[in-house]
Amino acid sequence: MRNYLNGFLGLVDERGVFLDPFDGMNVRRPAQEGSADVGDVHAVPFILECKDVKNPAVPTWLRQARIEARNAGFPYGVVVHKVRGLGVRAGRVHFDVRTWTRTRTALGLSSRDMADRYGFTASVRGLDSGRWYLTTTVAEFAALLSHMRAGVNARAVR
């Protein structure tokens, strides 16, 4: 995940070596220190909680990602779930509704534009909106991350 995002964002050379090892925008795997978990991967402004399991528990993972984002001092926490037998690009990135809405607002997009532009689908589980989430692929998330970092109004990006 880390290597894919660094490559997509142009932060590494053809051998995967950081162009600027001191750049705070490099996607990194933080060292876990103390009792407060800070997520598996830091991709400013997101922390990524990465999962490689057969049976998903997305709502539980999203609660974990929110806590870890807060612990790390990041505004957004999302979950990346590996799809077995497929490459990293096909992995699933899950957003809770609040994080998705805040991200959408930061990009200046309507709900429909956000869903269409980045390939999001919704999972609505019962009446408890705390169990609802939106999902896209790692490839689409990489584009979203790039747009967030550029501070662009995504309506203008084609």
Protein backbone atom coordinates (compact mmCIF):
# COMPACT_ATOMS: atom_id res chain seq x y z
CA MET A 1 0.00 0.00 0.00
CA ARG A 2 2.72 2.43 1.03
CA ASN A 3 4.84 1.64 -2.02
CA TYR A 4 1.90 1.91 -4.42
CA LEU A 5 0.83 5.33 -3.10
CA ASN A 6 4.38 6.70 -3.09
CA GLY A 7 4.79 5.60 -6.71
CA PHE A 8 1.42 6.99 -7.77
CA LEU A 9 2.18 10.33 -6.14
CA GLY A 10 5.64 10.52 -7.74
CA LEU A 11 7.46 10.57 -4.40
CA VAL A 12 9.92 7.79 -5.29
CA ASP A 13 12.28 7.04 -8.16
CA GLU A 14 12.07 3.98 -10.43
CA ARG A 15 13.77 1.88 -7.72
CA GLY A 16 11.29 2.95 -5.05
CA VAL A 17 13.74 5.25 -3.23
CA PHE A 18 12.30 8.50 -1.85
CA LEU A 19 13.18 11.53 -3.97
CA ASP A 20 13.33 13.56 -0.75
CA PRO A 21 13.52 11.33 2.33
CA PHE A 22 12.69 14.30 4.58
CA ASP A 23 9.49 15.28 2.75
CA GLY A 24 6.59 15.17 5.20
CA MET A 25 4.26 14.18 2.37
CA ASN A 26 5.96 10.81 1.84
CA VAL A 27 3.61 7.94 2.59
CA ARG A 28 5.10 6.13 5.55
CA ARG A 29 4.55 3.26 7.89
CA PRO A 30 4.88 4.76 11.37
CA ALA A 31 6.61 3.08 14.26
CA GLN A 32 4.11 2.17 16.94
CA GLU A 33 5.01 3.85 20.20
CA GLY A 34 3.14 3.70 23.47
CA SER A 35 -0.36 2.40 24.02
CA ALA A 36 -2.15 4.68 21.53
CA ASP A 37 -2.14 3.10 18.06
CA VAL A 38 -1.60 5.66 15.27
CA GLY A 39 -2.62 3.55 12.24
CA ASP A 40 -0.73 1.35 9.82
CA VAL A 41 0.12 3.85 7.09
CA HIS A 42 0.28 7.64 7.14
CA ALA A 43 -0.70 9.31 3.87
CA VAL A 44 -1.27 12.94 4.85
CA PRO A 45 -4.09 13.88 5.51
CA PHE A 46 -5.25 10.25 5.99
CA ILE A 47 -4.24 7.43 8.27
CA LEU A 48 -4.86 4.04 6.73
CA GLU A 49 -5.84 1.07 8.82
CA CYS A 50 -4.84 -1.88 6.61
CA LYS A 51 -6.53 -5.26 6.82
CA ASP A 52 -5.81 -8.59 5.13
CA VAL A 53 -8.48 -10.94 6.41
CA LYS A 54 -11.03 -13.25 4.86
CA ASN A 55 -14.06 -12.06 6.84
CA PRO A 56 -14.49 -8.27 6.83
CA ALA A 57 -15.74 -6.31 9.83
CA VAL A 58 -15.82 -2.87 8.22
CA PRO A 59 -17.89 -0.90 10.78
CA THR A 60 -15.62 -2.09 13.60
CA TRP A 61 -12.52 -1.27 11.56
CA LEU A 62 -13.84 2.21 10.78
CA ARG A 63 -14.30 2.96 14.48
CA GLN A 64 -10.70 1.83 14.98
CA ALA A 65 -9.50 4.07 12.10
CA ARG A 66 -11.25 7.13 13.62
CA ILE A 67 -9.55 6.57 16.96
CA GLU A 68 -6.15 6.02 15.35
CA ALA A 69 -6.49 9.16 13.21
CA ARG A 70 -7.23 11.15 16.36
CA ASN A 71 -4.24 9.55 18.14
CA ALA A 72 -1.98 10.47 15.20
CA GLY A 73 -3.37 14.00 14.89
CA PHE A 74 -4.73 13.40 11.38
CA PRO A 75 -8.12 14.66 10.21
CA TYR A 76 -9.20 11.50 8.35
CA GLY A 77 -9.05 7.77 9.10
CA VAL A 78 -10.00 5.13 6.52
CA VAL A 79 -9.71 1.37 6.18
CA VAL A 80 -7.94 -0.47 3.37
CA HIS A 81 -9.02 -4.08 2.89
CA LYS A 82 -6.90 -6.28 0.64
CA VAL A 83 -8.77 -8.26 -2.00
CA ARG A 84 -7.17 -11.68 -2.07
CA GLY A 85 -5.72 -12.81 -5.38
CA LEU A 86 -5.68 -9.29 -6.85
CA GLY A 87 -3.08 -6.54 -6.88
CA VAL A 88 -2.96 -3.62 -4.49
CA ARG A 89 -4.87 -1.34 -6.91
CA ALA A 90 -7.96 -3.54 -6.52
CA GLY A 91 -8.00 -3.29 -2.72
CA ARG A 92 -11.02 -1.67 -1.12
CA VAL A 93 -10.86 1.62 0.76
CA HIS A 94 -13.74 2.19 3.18
CA PHE A 95 -14.87 5.58 4.51
CA ASP A 96 -17.42 6.12 7.23
CA VAL A 97 -20.17 8.56 6.24
CA ARG A 98 -18.74 11.45 8.26
CA THR A 99 -15.22 11.09 6.84
CA TRP A 100 -16.60 10.73 3.31
CA THR A 101 -18.71 13.87 3.73
CA ARG A 102 -15.82 15.89 5.15
CA THR A 103 -13.56 14.72 2.31
CA ARG A 104 -16.22 15.49 -0.29
CA THR A 105 -16.72 18.97 1.15
CA ALA A 106 -12.96 19.63 1.14
CA LEU A 107 -12.88 18.68 -2.55
CA GLY A 108 -15.86 20.92 -3.31
CA LEU A 109 -17.98 18.09 -4.73
CA SER A 110 -21.64 17.17 -4.51
CA SER A 111 -22.46 13.68 -3.27
CA ARG A 112 -23.20 12.49 -6.81
CA ASP A 113 -19.98 14.00 -8.22
CA MET A 114 -17.89 12.46 -5.43
CA ALA A 115 -19.41 9.02 -5.98
CA ASP A 116 -19.05 9.20 -9.75
CA ARG A 117 -15.56 10.72 -9.89
CA TYR A 118 -13.96 8.29 -7.43
CA GLY A 119 -16.14 5.21 -7.96
CA PHE A 120 -17.72 5.06 -4.51
CA THR A 121 -20.49 2.63 -3.66
CA ALA A 122 -22.52 2.74 -0.47
CA SER A 123 -23.16 -0.04 2.03
CA VAL A 124 -26.20 0.69 4.15
CA ARG A 125 -26.65 -1.81 6.96
CA GLY A 126 -29.95 -1.36 8.79
CA LEU A 127 -31.19 1.85 10.40
CA ASP A 128 -28.00 2.56 12.36
CA SER A 129 -26.08 5.08 10.22
CA GLY A 130 -22.98 4.31 12.32
CA ARG A 131 -22.77 1.05 10.37
CA TRP A 132 -23.04 2.71 6.95
CA TYR A 133 -19.94 3.23 4.85
CA LEU A 134 -18.73 4.08 1.36
CA THR A 135 -16.15 2.11 -0.59
CA THR A 136 -13.82 2.72 -3.52
CA THR A 137 -10.71 1.03 -4.89
CA VAL A 138 -7.13 1.80 -3.89
CA ALA A 139 -6.54 3.11 -7.43
CA GLU A 140 -9.42 5.60 -7.10
CA PHE A 141 -8.34 6.51 -3.57
CA ALA A 142 -4.85 7.34 -4.88
CA ALA A 143 -6.39 9.89 -7.26
CA LEU A 144 -8.55 11.30 -4.45
CA LEU A 145 -5.47 11.58 -2.21
CA SER A 146 -3.58 13.39 -4.95
CA HIS A 147 -6.44 15.87 -5.37
CA MET A 148 -6.73 16.42 -1.61
CA ARG A 149 -3.02 17.13 -1.36
CA ALA A 150 -3.08 19.51 -4.30
CA GLY A 151 -5.90 21.43 -2.64
CA VAL A 152 -7.76 21.45 -5.92
CA ASN A 153 -11.42 21.88 -6.47
CA ALA A 154 -12.09 18.44 -7.93
CA ARG A 155 -14.91 19.81 -10.13
CA ALA A 156 -12.18 21.41 -12.23
CA VAL A 157 -10.13 18.20 -12.53
CA ARG A 158 -11.03 15.89 -15.40
